[in-house]
Amino acid sequence: MTGALRAHAALSRFAPLFWFRSPVERHPRLGHVQIAHLGWRFAEPHDEFKPVFEAVARDAPRHVEWRFKAAKNWLILPVRLTEESARNGDDFGEAQITVTKDQDFCLLAAKDMDLILQAIEDAAP
């Protein structure tokens, strides 16, 4: 099962999803490792789950620093990606392109994503 399918399945155990996004591990045409992150929105608000995802983003990773953000969409993403997005005028797509150029960082983030997904699976109802 790919990381995106695994993430979708784990998050769906908490509550039905309205929206979900996670990049494929490798770019389908160019073959480079993409920067790992998760974005989702539950079909209905579930603020009671926020502490679970805050803990996952804080405690599961071992290689890079991660952040959980909850607004309209909920996100678990490397802090470096949020910082790069802010430097690019909140252009998330441009931030992804910039960070993806650092393949060593992307490989470390991918290792962390495996740990994050395991922690989400372990915490799921």
PDB file of N, CA and C in Angstrom:
ATOM      1  N   MET A   1       0.853  -1.180   0.000  1.00  0.00           N
ATOM      2  CA  MET A   1       0.000   0.000   0.000  1.00  0.00           C
ATOM      3  C   MET A   1       0.896   1.240   0.000  1.00  0.00           C
ATOM      4  N   THR A   2       0.609   2.185  -0.873  1.00  0.00           N
ATOM      5  CA  THR A   2       1.402   3.415  -0.928  1.00  0.00           C
ATOM      6  C   THR A   2       1.179   4.240   0.329  1.00  0.00           C
ATOM      7  N   GLY A   3       2.080   5.183   0.562  1.00  0.00           N
ATOM      8  CA  GLY A   3       1.952   6.059   1.720  1.00  0.00           C
ATOM      9  C   GLY A   3       0.658   6.853   1.696  1.00  0.00           C
ATOM     10  N   ALA A   4       0.255   7.327   0.519  1.00  0.00           N
ATOM     11  CA  ALA A   4      -0.973   8.121   0.419  1.00  0.00           C
ATOM     12  C   ALA A   4      -2.200   7.266   0.749  1.00  0.00           C
ATOM     13  N   LEU A   5      -2.245   6.038   0.232  1.00  0.00           N
ATOM     14  CA  LEU A   5      -3.370   5.156   0.544  1.00  0.00           C
ATOM     15  C   LEU A   5      -3.375   4.780   2.010  1.00  0.00           C
ATOM     16  N   ARG A   6      -2.193   4.535   2.547  1.00  0.00           N
ATOM     17  CA  ARG A   6      -2.068   4.200   3.965  1.00  0.00           C
ATOM     18  C   ARG A   6      -2.548   5.353   4.836  1.00  0.00           C
ATOM     19  N   ALA A   7      -2.147   6.579   4.484  1.00  0.00           N
ATOM     20  CA  ALA A   7      -2.561   7.764   5.243  1.00  0.00           C
ATOM     21  C   ALA A   7      -4.065   7.960   5.158  1.00  0.00           C
ATOM     22  N   HIS A   8      -4.617   7.836   3.975  1.00  0.00           N
ATOM     23  CA  HIS A   8      -6.062   8.005   3.787  1.00  0.00           C
ATOM     24  C   HIS A   8      -6.828   6.994   4.643  1.00  0.00           C
ATOM     25  N   ALA A   9      -6.385   5.748   4.618  1.00  0.00           N
ATOM     26  CA  ALA A   9      -7.051   4.703   5.395  1.00  0.00           C
ATOM     27  C   ALA A   9      -6.958   4.989   6.894  1.00  0.00           C
ATOM     28  N   ALA A  10      -5.795   5.411   7.364  1.00  0.00           N
ATOM     29  CA  ALA A  10      -5.619   5.682   8.796  1.00  0.00           C
ATOM     30  C   ALA A  10      -6.457   6.875   9.246  1.00  0.00           C
ATOM     31  N   LEU A  11      -6.445   7.942   8.473  1.00  0.00           N
ATOM     32  CA  LEU A  11      -7.225   9.131   8.846  1.00  0.00           C
ATOM     33  C   LEU A  11      -8.718   8.852   8.796  1.00  0.00           C
ATOM     34  N   SER A  12      -9.138   8.017   7.863  1.00  0.00           N
ATOM     35  CA  SER A  12     -10.555   7.671   7.735  1.00  0.00           C
ATOM     36  C   SER A  12     -11.067   6.882   8.939  1.00  0.00           C
ATOM     37  N   ARG A  13     -10.169   6.271   9.674  1.00  0.00           N
ATOM     38  CA  ARG A  13     -10.584   5.553  10.884  1.00  0.00           C
ATOM     39  C   ARG A  13     -11.014   6.518  11.985  1.00  0.00           C
ATOM     40  N   PHE A  14     -10.553   7.770  11.927  1.00  0.00           N
ATOM     41  CA  PHE A  14     -10.969   8.776  12.911  1.00  0.00           C
ATOM     42  C   PHE A  14     -12.376   9.280  12.605  1.00  0.00           C
ATOM     43  N   ALA A  15     -12.605   9.609  11.343  1.00  0.00           N
ATOM     44  CA  ALA A  15     -13.904  10.142  10.905  1.00  0.00           C
ATOM     45  C   ALA A  15     -13.888  10.202   9.377  1.00  0.00           C
ATOM     46  N   PRO A  16     -15.069  10.261   8.755  1.00  0.00           N
ATOM     47  CA  PRO A  16     -15.106  10.365   7.291  1.00  0.00           C
ATOM     48  C   PRO A  16     -14.377  11.619   6.801  1.00  0.00           C
ATOM     49  N   LEU A  17     -13.637  11.452   5.708  1.00  0.00           N
ATOM     50  CA  LEU A  17     -12.891  12.567   5.125  1.00  0.00           C
ATOM     51  C   LEU A  17     -13.703  13.232   4.023  1.00  0.00           C
ATOM     52  N   PHE A  18     -13.636  14.560   4.002  1.00  0.00           N
ATOM     53  CA  PHE A  18     -14.241  15.342   2.926  1.00  0.00           C
ATOM     54  C   PHE A  18     -13.204  15.615   1.838  1.00  0.00           C
ATOM     55  N   TRP A  19     -11.951  15.824   2.283  1.00  0.00           N
ATOM     56  CA  TRP A  19     -10.857  16.172   1.381  1.00  0.00           C
ATOM     57  C   TRP A  19      -9.578  15.571   1.938  1.00  0.00           C
ATOM     58  N   PHE A  20      -8.672  15.138   1.037  1.00  0.00           N
ATOM     59  CA  PHE A  20      -7.410  14.546   1.445  1.00  0.00           C
ATOM     60  C   PHE A  20      -6.352  14.837   0.390  1.00  0.00           C
ATOM     61  N   ARG A  21      -5.123  15.089   0.855  1.00  0.00           N
ATOM     62  CA  ARG A  21      -4.018  15.292  -0.083  1.00  0.00           C
ATOM     63  C   ARG A  21      -2.720  14.817   0.543  1.00  0.00           C
ATOM     64  N   SER A  22      -1.991  14.043  -0.211  1.00  0.00           N
ATOM     65  CA  SER A  22      -0.645  13.625   0.151  1.00  0.00           C
ATOM     66  C   SER A  22       0.063  13.295  -1.159  1.00  0.00           C
ATOM     67  N   PRO A  23       1.246  13.837  -1.364  1.00  0.00           N
ATOM     68  CA  PRO A  23       1.911  13.571  -2.646  1.00  0.00           C
ATOM     69  C   PRO A  23       2.351  12.112  -2.753  1.00  0.00           C
ATOM     70  N   VAL A  24       2.435  11.641  -3.974  1.00  0.00           N
ATOM     71  CA  VAL A  24       3.029  10.327  -4.191  1.00  0.00           C
ATOM     72  C   VAL A  24       4.485  10.422  -3.733  1.00  0.00           C
ATOM     73  N   GLU A  25       5.049   9.297  -3.353  1.00  0.00           N
ATOM     74  CA  GLU A  25       6.408   9.314  -2.795  1.00  0.00           C
ATOM     75  C   GLU A  25       7.445   9.820  -3.798  1.00  0.00           C
ATOM     76  N   ARG A  26       7.293   9.419  -5.047  1.00  0.00           N
ATOM     77  CA  ARG A  26       8.221   9.852  -6.095  1.00  0.00           C
ATOM     78  C   ARG A  26       7.446  10.529  -7.210  1.00  0.00           C
ATOM     79  N   HIS A  27       8.057  11.532  -7.787  1.00  0.00           N
ATOM     80  CA  HIS A  27       7.429  12.222  -8.906  1.00  0.00           C
ATOM     81  C   HIS A  27       7.220  11.205 -10.018  1.00  0.00           C
ATOM     82  N   PRO A  28       5.996  11.103 -10.561  1.00  0.00           N
ATOM     83  CA  PRO A  28       5.703  10.044 -11.531  1.00  0.00           C
ATOM     84  C   PRO A  28       6.509  10.122 -12.829  1.00  0.00           C
ATOM     85  N   ARG A  29       6.919  11.308 -13.210  1.00  0.00           N
ATOM     86  CA  ARG A  29       7.649  11.453 -14.469  1.00  0.00           C
ATOM     87  C   ARG A  29       9.148  11.638 -14.250  1.00  0.00           C
ATOM     88  N   LEU A  30       9.515  12.434 -13.255  1.00  0.00           N
ATOM     89  CA  LEU A  30      10.922  12.769 -13.046  1.00  0.00           C
ATOM     90  C   LEU A  30      11.642  11.815 -12.093  1.00  0.00           C
ATOM     91  N   GLY A  31      10.895  11.134 -11.235  1.00  0.00           N
ATOM     92  CA  GLY A  31      11.471  10.115 -10.367  1.00  0.00           C
ATOM     93  C   GLY A  31      12.072  10.590  -9.061  1.00  0.00           C
ATOM     94  N   HIS A  32      12.126  11.900  -8.819  1.00  0.00           N
ATOM     95  CA  HIS A  32      12.715  12.357  -7.560  1.00  0.00           C
ATOM     96  C   HIS A  32      11.729  12.171  -6.400  1.00  0.00           C
ATOM     97  N   VAL A  33      12.281  12.120  -5.190  1.00  0.00           N
ATOM     98  CA  VAL A  33      11.463  11.988  -3.983  1.00  0.00           C
ATOM     99  C   VAL A  33      10.762  13.321  -3.739  1.00  0.00           C
ATOM    100  N   GLN A  34       9.458  13.267  -3.537  1.00  0.00           N
ATOM    101  CA  GLN A  34       8.686  14.472  -3.264  1.00  0.00           C
ATOM    102  C   GLN A  34       8.751  14.777  -1.765  1.00  0.00           C
ATOM    103  N   ILE A  35       8.446  16.005  -1.393  1.00  0.00           N
ATOM    104  CA  ILE A  35       8.450  16.371   0.016  1.00  0.00           C
ATOM    105  C   ILE A  35       7.164  15.836   0.671  1.00  0.00           C
ATOM    106  N   ALA A  36       7.331  15.013   1.679  1.00  0.00           N
ATOM    107  CA  ALA A  36       6.210  14.367   2.355  1.00  0.00           C
ATOM    108  C   ALA A  36       5.414  15.369   3.182  1.00  0.00           C
ATOM    109  N   HIS A  37       4.099  15.250   3.125  1.00  0.00           N
ATOM    110  CA  HIS A  37       3.203  16.019   3.980  1.00  0.00           C
ATOM    111  C   HIS A  37       1.793  15.442   3.840  1.00  0.00           C
ATOM    112  N   LEU A  38       0.934  15.795   4.773  1.00  0.00           N
ATOM    113  CA  LEU A  38      -0.467  15.365   4.737  1.00  0.00           C
ATOM    114  C   LEU A  38      -1.361  16.579   4.863  1.00  0.00           C
ATOM    115  N   GLY A  39      -2.474  16.560   4.144  1.00  0.00           N
ATOM    116  CA  GLY A  39      -3.508  17.571   4.285  1.00  0.00           C
ATOM    117  C   GLY A  39      -4.854  16.879   4.207  1.00  0.00           C
ATOM    118  N   TRP A  40      -5.784  17.257   5.074  1.00  0.00           N
ATOM    119  CA  TRP A  40      -7.109  16.639   5.042  1.00  0.00           C
ATOM    120  C   TRP A  40      -8.127  17.534   5.729  1.00  0.00           C
ATOM    121  N   ARG A  41      -9.375  17.212   5.467  1.00  0.00           N
ATOM    122  CA  ARG A  41     -10.495  17.859   6.146  1.00  0.00           C
ATOM    123  C   ARG A  41     -11.521  16.766   6.414  1.00  0.00           C
ATOM    124  N   PHE A  42     -11.936  16.678   7.654  1.00  0.00           N
ATOM    125  CA  PHE A  42     -13.004  15.741   7.980  1.00  0.00           C
ATOM    126  C   PHE A  42     -14.327  16.292   7.461  1.00  0.00           C
ATOM    127  N   ALA A  43     -15.275  15.414   7.169  1.00  0.00           N
ATOM    128  CA  ALA A  43     -16.581  15.828   6.651  1.00  0.00           C
ATOM    129  C   ALA A  43     -17.300  16.716   7.657  1.00  0.00           C
ATOM    130  N   GLU A  44     -17.069  16.483   8.944  1.00  0.00           N
ATOM    131  CA  GLU A  44     -17.633  17.311  10.018  1.00  0.00           C
ATOM    132  C   GLU A  44     -16.496  17.671  10.967  1.00  0.00           C
ATOM    133  N   PRO A  45     -16.609  18.796  11.679  1.00  0.00           N
ATOM    134  CA  PRO A  45     -15.540  19.181  12.615  1.00  0.00           C
ATOM    135  C   PRO A  45     -15.326  18.123  13.705  1.00  0.00           C
ATOM    136  N   HIS A  46     -14.087  17.904  14.031  1.00  0.00           N
ATOM    137  CA  HIS A  46     -13.725  16.959  15.089  1.00  0.00           C
ATOM    138  C   HIS A  46     -12.550  17.515  15.890  1.00  0.00           C
ATOM    139  N   ASP A  47     -12.795  18.617  16.585  1.00  0.00           N
ATOM    140  CA  ASP A  47     -11.744  19.259  17.367  1.00  0.00           C
ATOM    141  C   ASP A  47     -11.161  18.345  18.427  1.00  0.00           C
ATOM    142  N   GLU A  48     -11.928  17.330  18.842  1.00  0.00           N
ATOM    143  CA  GLU A  48     -11.428  16.416  19.873  1.00  0.00           C
ATOM    144  C   GLU A  48     -10.195  15.628  19.413  1.00  0.00           C
ATOM    145  N   PHE A  49      -9.952  15.584  18.108  1.00  0.00           N
ATOM    146  CA  PHE A  49      -8.795  14.853  17.588  1.00  0.00           C
ATOM    147  C   PHE A  49      -7.539  15.718  17.478  1.00  0.00           C
ATOM    148  N   LYS A  50      -7.672  17.031  17.627  1.00  0.00           N
ATOM    149  CA  LYS A  50      -6.510  17.904  17.473  1.00  0.00           C
ATOM    150  C   LYS A  50      -5.335  17.495  18.369  1.00  0.00           C
ATOM    151  N   PRO A  51      -5.559  17.194  19.653  1.00  0.00           N
ATOM    152  CA  PRO A  51      -4.412  16.805  20.494  1.00  0.00           C
ATOM    153  C   PRO A  51      -3.693  15.546  20.000  1.00  0.00           C
ATOM    154  N   VAL A  52      -4.432  14.643  19.391  1.00  0.00           N
ATOM    155  CA  VAL A  52      -3.816  13.421  18.857  1.00  0.00           C
ATOM    156  C   VAL A  52      -2.817  13.789  17.763  1.00  0.00           C
ATOM    157  N   PHE A  53      -3.232  14.635  16.830  1.00  0.00           N
ATOM    158  CA  PHE A  53      -2.365  14.983  15.706  1.00  0.00           C
ATOM    159  C   PHE A  53      -1.238  15.926  16.123  1.00  0.00           C
ATOM    160  N   GLU A  54      -1.487  16.770  17.116  1.00  0.00           N
ATOM    161  CA  GLU A  54      -0.412  17.594  17.659  1.00  0.00           C
ATOM    162  C   GLU A  54       0.684  16.705  18.239  1.00  0.00           C
ATOM    163  N   ALA A  55       0.271  15.685  18.995  1.00  0.00           N
ATOM    164  CA  ALA A  55       1.237  14.765  19.600  1.00  0.00           C
ATOM    165  C   ALA A  55       1.981  13.968  18.538  1.00  0.00           C
ATOM    166  N   VAL A  56       1.270  13.515  17.514  1.00  0.00           N
ATOM    167  CA  VAL A  56       1.908  12.750  16.437  1.00  0.00           C
ATOM    168  C   VAL A  56       2.987  13.593  15.765  1.00  0.00           C
ATOM    169  N   ALA A  57       2.655  14.826  15.407  1.00  0.00           N
ATOM    170  CA  ALA A  57       3.617  15.694  14.706  1.00  0.00           C
ATOM    171  C   ALA A  57       4.809  16.040  15.595  1.00  0.00           C
ATOM    172  N   ARG A  58       4.572  16.120  16.877  1.00  0.00           N
ATOM    173  CA  ARG A  58       5.638  16.476  17.813  1.00  0.00           C
ATOM    174  C   ARG A  58       6.512  15.269  18.173  1.00  0.00           C
ATOM    175  N   ASP A  59       5.897  14.102  18.391  1.00  0.00           N
ATOM    176  CA  ASP A  59       6.608  12.981  19.005  1.00  0.00           C
ATOM    177  C   ASP A  59       7.085  11.897  18.040  1.00  0.00           C
ATOM    178  N   ALA A  60       6.418  11.696  16.916  1.00  0.00           N
ATOM    179  CA  ALA A  60       6.755  10.574  16.031  1.00  0.00           C
ATOM    180  C   ALA A  60       8.017  10.795  15.189  1.00  0.00           C
ATOM    181  N   PRO A  61       8.213  11.976  14.602  1.00  0.00           N
ATOM    182  CA  PRO A  61       9.362  12.158  13.704  1.00  0.00           C
ATOM    183  C   PRO A  61      10.700  12.074  14.434  1.00  0.00           C
ATOM    184  N   ARG A  62      11.713  11.650  13.708  1.00  0.00           N
ATOM    185  CA  ARG A  62      13.057  11.538  14.284  1.00  0.00           C
ATOM    186  C   ARG A  62      14.124  12.296  13.489  1.00  0.00           C
ATOM    187  N   HIS A  63      13.792  12.763  12.280  1.00  0.00           N
ATOM    188  CA  HIS A  63      14.820  13.317  11.401  1.00  0.00           C
ATOM    189  C   HIS A  63      14.680  14.810  11.131  1.00  0.00           C
ATOM    190  N   VAL A  64      13.456  15.296  10.962  1.00  0.00           N
ATOM    191  CA  VAL A  64      13.221  16.719  10.712  1.00  0.00           C
ATOM    192  C   VAL A  64      12.091  17.185  11.628  1.00  0.00           C
ATOM    193  N   GLU A  65      11.971  18.484  11.777  1.00  0.00           N
ATOM    194  CA  GLU A  65      10.921  19.045  12.636  1.00  0.00           C
ATOM    195  C   GLU A  65       9.618  19.164  11.843  1.00  0.00           C
ATOM    196  N   TRP A  66       8.507  18.770  12.484  1.00  0.00           N
ATOM    197  CA  TRP A  66       7.192  18.767  11.848  1.00  0.00           C
ATOM    198  C   TRP A  66       6.231  19.639  12.621  1.00  0.00           C
ATOM    199  N   ARG A  67       5.154  20.027  11.938  1.00  0.00           N
ATOM    200  CA  ARG A  67       4.129  20.871  12.559  1.00  0.00           C
ATOM    201  C   ARG A  67       2.751  20.368  12.158  1.00  0.00           C
ATOM    202  N   PHE A  68       1.837  20.407  13.111  1.00  0.00           N
ATOM    203  CA  PHE A  68       0.421  20.170  12.840  1.00  0.00           C
ATOM    204  C   PHE A  68      -0.267  21.525  12.849  1.00  0.00           C
ATOM    205  N   LYS A  69      -1.024  21.810  11.805  1.00  0.00           N
ATOM    206  CA  LYS A  69      -1.781  23.052  11.707  1.00  0.00           C
ATOM    207  C   LYS A  69      -3.239  22.704  11.446  1.00  0.00           C
ATOM    208  N   ALA A  70      -4.120  23.348  12.173  1.00  0.00           N
ATOM    209  CA  ALA A  70      -5.551  23.101  11.990  1.00  0.00           C
ATOM    210  C   ALA A  70      -6.250  24.421  11.698  1.00  0.00           C
ATOM    211  N   ALA A  71      -6.845  24.497  10.540  1.00  0.00           N
ATOM    212  CA  ALA A  71      -7.694  25.616  10.143  1.00  0.00           C
ATOM    213  C   ALA A  71      -8.836  24.977   9.367  1.00  0.00           C
ATOM    214  N   LYS A  72      -9.152  25.500   8.209  1.00  0.00           N
ATOM    215  CA  LYS A  72     -10.167  24.854   7.368  1.00  0.00           C
ATOM    216  C   LYS A  72      -9.709  23.434   7.035  1.00  0.00           C
ATOM    217  N   ASN A  73      -8.454  23.310   6.616  1.00  0.00           N
ATOM    218  CA  ASN A  73      -7.834  22.009   6.381  1.00  0.00           C
ATOM    219  C   ASN A  73      -6.846  21.745   7.505  1.00  0.00           C
ATOM    220  N   TRP A  74      -6.629  20.489   7.796  1.00  0.00           N
ATOM    221  CA  TRP A  74      -5.646  20.087   8.789  1.00  0.00           C
ATOM    222  C   TRP A  74      -4.412  19.611   8.050  1.00  0.00           C
ATOM    223  N   LEU A  75      -3.244  19.965   8.572  1.00  0.00           N
ATOM    224  CA  LEU A  75      -1.988  19.666   7.905  1.00  0.00           C
ATOM    225  C   LEU A  75      -0.960  19.113   8.881  1.00  0.00           C
ATOM    226  N   ILE A  76      -0.204  18.140   8.430  1.00  0.00           N
ATOM    227  CA  ILE A  76       1.018  17.722   9.098  1.00  0.00           C
ATOM    228  C   ILE A  76       2.105  17.870   8.050  1.00  0.00           C
ATOM    229  N   LEU A  77       3.059  18.770   8.317  1.00  0.00           N
ATOM    230  CA  LEU A  77       4.075  19.056   7.319  1.00  0.00           C
ATOM    231  C   LEU A  77       5.381  19.469   7.973  1.00  0.00           C
ATOM    232  N   PRO A  78       6.485  19.283   7.260  1.00  0.00           N
ATOM    233  CA  PRO A  78       7.764  19.720   7.811  1.00  0.00           C
ATOM    234  C   PRO A  78       7.765  21.229   8.045  1.00  0.00           C
ATOM    235  N   VAL A  79       8.348  21.636   9.158  1.00  0.00           N
ATOM    236  CA  VAL A  79       8.445  23.068   9.467  1.00  0.00           C
ATOM    237  C   VAL A  79       9.154  23.801   8.332  1.00  0.00           C
ATOM    238  N   ARG A  80      10.153  23.187   7.766  1.00  0.00           N
ATOM    239  CA  ARG A  80      10.885  23.826   6.659  1.00  0.00           C
ATOM    240  C   ARG A  80       9.948  24.182   5.508  1.00  0.00           C
ATOM    241  N   LEU A  81       8.962  23.343   5.239  1.00  0.00           N
ATOM    242  CA  LEU A  81       8.006  23.619   4.165  1.00  0.00           C
ATOM    243  C   LEU A  81       7.132  24.823   4.517  1.00  0.00           C
ATOM    244  N   THR A  82       6.721  24.947   5.762  1.00  0.00           N
ATOM    245  CA  THR A  82       5.906  26.109   6.161  1.00  0.00           C
ATOM    246  C   THR A  82       6.744  27.388   6.103  1.00  0.00           C
ATOM    247  N   GLU A  83       7.999  27.289   6.525  1.00  0.00           N
ATOM    248  CA  GLU A  83       8.875  28.464   6.486  1.00  0.00           C
ATOM    249  C   GLU A  83       9.149  28.897   5.052  1.00  0.00           C
ATOM    250  N   GLU A  84       9.377  27.938   4.170  1.00  0.00           N
ATOM    251  CA  GLU A  84       9.623  28.249   2.758  1.00  0.00           C
ATOM    252  C   GLU A  84       8.377  28.843   2.121  1.00  0.00           C
ATOM    253  N   SER A  85       7.220  28.350   2.503  1.00  0.00           N
ATOM    254  CA  SER A  85       5.969  28.892   1.988  1.00  0.00           C
ATOM    255  C   SER A  85       5.807  30.360   2.398  1.00  0.00           C
ATOM    256  N   ALA A  86       6.127  30.664   3.648  1.00  0.00           N
ATOM    257  CA  ALA A  86       6.042  32.049   4.124  1.00  0.00           C
ATOM    258  C   ALA A  86       7.016  32.950   3.351  1.00  0.00           C
ATOM    259  N   ARG A  87       8.216  32.436   3.057  1.00  0.00           N
ATOM    260  CA  ARG A  87       9.194  33.219   2.284  1.00  0.00           C
ATOM    261  C   ARG A  87       8.739  33.455   0.852  1.00  0.00           C
ATOM    262  N   ASN A  88       7.881  32.582   0.350  1.00  0.00           N
ATOM    263  CA  ASN A  88       7.377  32.685  -1.023  1.00  0.00           C
ATOM    264  C   ASN A  88       5.989  33.313  -1.074  1.00  0.00           C
ATOM    265  N   GLY A  89       5.667  34.141  -0.110  1.00  0.00           N
ATOM    266  CA  GLY A  89       4.364  34.812  -0.115  1.00  0.00           C
ATOM    267  C   GLY A  89       3.204  33.847   0.024  1.00  0.00           C
ATOM    268  N   ASP A  90       3.401  32.803   0.833  1.00  0.00           N
ATOM    269  CA  ASP A  90       2.396  31.758   1.066  1.00  0.00           C
ATOM    270  C   ASP A  90       2.042  30.982  -0.196  1.00  0.00           C
ATOM    271  N   ASP A  91       2.978  30.901  -1.131  1.00  0.00           N
ATOM    272  CA  ASP A  91       2.801  30.085  -2.330  1.00  0.00           C
ATOM    273  C   ASP A  91       3.301  28.682  -2.008  1.00  0.00           C
ATOM    274  N   PHE A  92       2.369  27.810  -1.603  1.00  0.00           N
ATOM    275  CA  PHE A  92       2.720  26.467  -1.159  1.00  0.00           C
ATOM    276  C   PHE A  92       3.347  25.652  -2.286  1.00  0.00           C
ATOM    277  N   GLY A  93       2.843  25.784  -3.489  1.00  0.00           N
ATOM    278  CA  GLY A  93       3.393  25.054  -4.632  1.00  0.00           C
ATOM    279  C   GLY A  93       4.836  25.423  -4.895  1.00  0.00           C
ATOM    280  N   GLU A  94       5.147  26.693  -4.841  1.00  0.00           N
ATOM    281  CA  GLU A  94       6.526  27.145  -5.051  1.00  0.00           C
ATOM    282  C   GLU A  94       7.419  26.658  -3.918  1.00  0.00           C
ATOM    283  N   ALA A  95       6.896  26.645  -2.702  1.00  0.00           N
ATOM    284  CA  ALA A  95       7.664  26.146  -1.558  1.00  0.00           C
ATOM    285  C   ALA A  95       7.990  24.664  -1.745  1.00  0.00           C
ATOM    286  N   GLN A  96       7.040  23.887  -2.220  1.00  0.00           N
ATOM    287  CA  GLN A  96       7.277  22.467  -2.467  1.00  0.00           C
ATOM    288  C   GLN A  96       8.402  22.276  -3.487  1.00  0.00           C
ATOM    289  N   ILE A  97       8.381  23.046  -4.555  1.00  0.00           N
ATOM    290  CA  ILE A  97       9.412  22.947  -5.588  1.00  0.00           C
ATOM    291  C   ILE A  97      10.785  23.256  -4.995  1.00  0.00           C
ATOM    292  N   THR A  98      10.856  24.313  -4.197  1.00  0.00           N
ATOM    293  CA  THR A  98      12.132  24.720  -3.599  1.00  0.00           C
ATOM    294  C   THR A  98      12.667  23.653  -2.655  1.00  0.00           C
ATOM    295  N   VAL A  99      11.818  23.159  -1.755  1.00  0.00           N
ATOM    296  CA  VAL A  99      12.268  22.174  -0.765  1.00  0.00           C
ATOM    297  C   VAL A  99      12.614  20.849  -1.438  1.00  0.00           C
ATOM    298  N   THR A 100      11.882  20.477  -2.477  1.00  0.00           N
ATOM    299  CA  THR A 100      12.121  19.207  -3.156  1.00  0.00           C
ATOM    300  C   THR A 100      13.499  19.160  -3.817  1.00  0.00           C
ATOM    301  N   LYS A 101      14.079  20.305  -4.087  1.00  0.00           N
ATOM    302  CA  LYS A 101      15.431  20.332  -4.661  1.00  0.00           C
ATOM    303  C   LYS A 101      16.463  19.747  -3.697  1.00  0.00           C
ATOM    304  N   ASP A 102      16.147  19.752  -2.412  1.00  0.00           N
ATOM    305  CA  ASP A 102      17.027  19.165  -1.397  1.00  0.00           C
ATOM    306  C   ASP A 102      16.581  17.719  -1.171  1.00  0.00           C
ATOM    307  N   GLN A 103      17.100  16.826  -1.999  1.00  0.00           N
ATOM    308  CA  GLN A 103      16.683  15.428  -1.946  1.00  0.00           C
ATOM    309  C   GLN A 103      17.084  14.736  -0.649  1.00  0.00           C
ATOM    310  N   ASP A 104      18.184  15.139  -0.038  1.00  0.00           N
ATOM    311  CA  ASP A 104      18.558  14.561   1.254  1.00  0.00           C
ATOM    312  C   ASP A 104      17.484  14.866   2.296  1.00  0.00           C
ATOM    313  N   PHE A 105      17.011  16.102   2.308  1.00  0.00           N
ATOM    314  CA  PHE A 105      15.950  16.484   3.236  1.00  0.00           C
ATOM    315  C   PHE A 105      14.671  15.699   2.938  1.00  0.00           C
ATOM    316  N   CYS A 106      14.335  15.559   1.670  1.00  0.00           N
ATOM    317  CA  CYS A 106      13.119  14.838   1.296  1.00  0.00           C
ATOM    318  C   CYS A 106      13.183  13.367   1.722  1.00  0.00           C
ATOM    319  N   LEU A 107      14.351  12.758   1.609  1.00  0.00           N
ATOM    320  CA  LEU A 107      14.507  11.376   2.050  1.00  0.00           C
ATOM    321  C   LEU A 107      14.317  11.250   3.558  1.00  0.00           C
ATOM    322  N   LEU A 108      14.847  12.203   4.312  1.00  0.00           N
ATOM    323  CA  LEU A 108      14.657  12.193   5.765  1.00  0.00           C
ATOM    324  C   LEU A 108      13.185  12.422   6.125  1.00  0.00           C
ATOM    325  N   ALA A 109      12.536  13.334   5.423  1.00  0.00           N
ATOM    326  CA  ALA A 109      11.114  13.588   5.669  1.00  0.00           C
ATOM    327  C   ALA A 109      10.279  12.352   5.340  1.00  0.00           C
ATOM    328  N   ALA A 110      10.658  11.623   4.286  1.00  0.00           N
ATOM    329  CA  ALA A 110       9.934  10.400   3.928  1.00  0.00           C
ATOM    330  C   ALA A 110      10.067   9.345   5.027  1.00  0.00           C
ATOM    331  N   LYS A 111      11.253   9.233   5.609  1.00  0.00           N
ATOM    332  CA  LYS A 111      11.438   8.301   6.735  1.00  0.00           C
ATOM    333  C   LYS A 111      10.542   8.706   7.901  1.00  0.00           C
ATOM    334  N   ASP A 112      10.495  10.000   8.179  1.00  0.00           N
ATOM    335  CA  ASP A 112       9.618  10.490   9.248  1.00  0.00           C
ATOM    336  C   ASP A 112       8.155  10.221   8.933  1.00  0.00           C
ATOM    337  N   MET A 113       7.764  10.365   7.670  1.00  0.00           N
ATOM    338  CA  MET A 113       6.362  10.145   7.320  1.00  0.00           C
ATOM    339  C   MET A 113       5.950   8.712   7.650  1.00  0.00           C
ATOM    340  N   ASP A 114       6.837   7.767   7.445  1.00  0.00           N
ATOM    341  CA  ASP A 114       6.531   6.388   7.833  1.00  0.00           C
ATOM    342  C   ASP A 114       6.247   6.307   9.335  1.00  0.00           C
ATOM    343  N   LEU A 115       7.052   6.990  10.130  1.00  0.00           N
ATOM    344  CA  LEU A 115       6.855   7.003  11.582  1.00  0.00           C
ATOM    345  C   LEU A 115       5.555   7.717  11.951  1.00  0.00           C
ATOM    346  N   ILE A 116       5.256   8.803  11.249  1.00  0.00           N
ATOM    347  CA  ILE A 116       4.024   9.559  11.493  1.00  0.00           C
ATOM    348  C   ILE A 116       2.811   8.699  11.167  1.00  0.00           C
ATOM    349  N   LEU A 117       2.852   8.029  10.032  1.00  0.00           N
ATOM    350  CA  LEU A 117       1.726   7.178   9.650  1.00  0.00           C
ATOM    351  C   LEU A 117       1.530   6.038  10.648  1.00  0.00           C
ATOM    352  N   GLN A 118       2.627   5.473  11.131  1.00  0.00           N
ATOM    353  CA  GLN A 118       2.510   4.411  12.137  1.00  0.00           C
ATOM    354  C   GLN A 118       1.857   4.962  13.409  1.00  0.00           C
ATOM    355  N   ALA A 119       2.246   6.157  13.812  1.00  0.00           N
ATOM    356  CA  ALA A 119       1.671   6.774  15.020  1.00  0.00           C
ATOM    357  C   ALA A 119       0.190   7.084  14.826  1.00  0.00           C
ATOM    358  N   ILE A 120      -0.197   7.529  13.625  1.00  0.00           N
ATOM    359  CA  ILE A 120      -1.614   7.786  13.337  1.00  0.00           C
ATOM    360  C   ILE A 120      -2.393   6.468  13.379  1.00  0.00           C
ATOM    361  N   GLU A 121      -1.838   5.440  12.766  1.00  0.00           N
ATOM    362  CA  GLU A 121      -2.501   4.127  12.791  1.00  0.00           C
ATOM    363  C   GLU A 121      -2.658   3.614  14.218  1.00  0.00           C
ATOM    364  N   ASP A 122      -1.629   3.782  15.030  1.00  0.00           N
ATOM    365  CA  ASP A 122      -1.682   3.334  16.419  1.00  0.00           C
ATOM    366  C   ASP A 122      -2.697   4.113  17.240  1.00  0.00           C
ATOM    367  N   ALA A 123      -2.886   5.388  16.919  1.00  0.00           N
ATOM    368  CA  ALA A 123      -3.815   6.240  17.681  1.00  0.00           C
ATOM    369  C   ALA A 123      -5.259   6.167  17.191  1.00  0.00           C
ATOM    370  N   ALA A 124      -5.450   5.633  16.007  1.00  0.00           N
ATOM    371  CA  ALA A 124      -6.792   5.614  15.401  1.00  0.00           C
ATOM    372  C   ALA A 124      -7.758   4.740  16.205  1.00  0.00           C
ATOM    373  N   PRO A 125      -9.003   5.178  16.286  1.00  0.00           N
ATOM    374  CA  PRO A 125     -10.006   4.378  17.001  1.00  0.00           C
ATOM    375  C   PRO A 125     -10.280   3.052  16.308  1.00  0.00           C
TER     376      PRO A 125
END
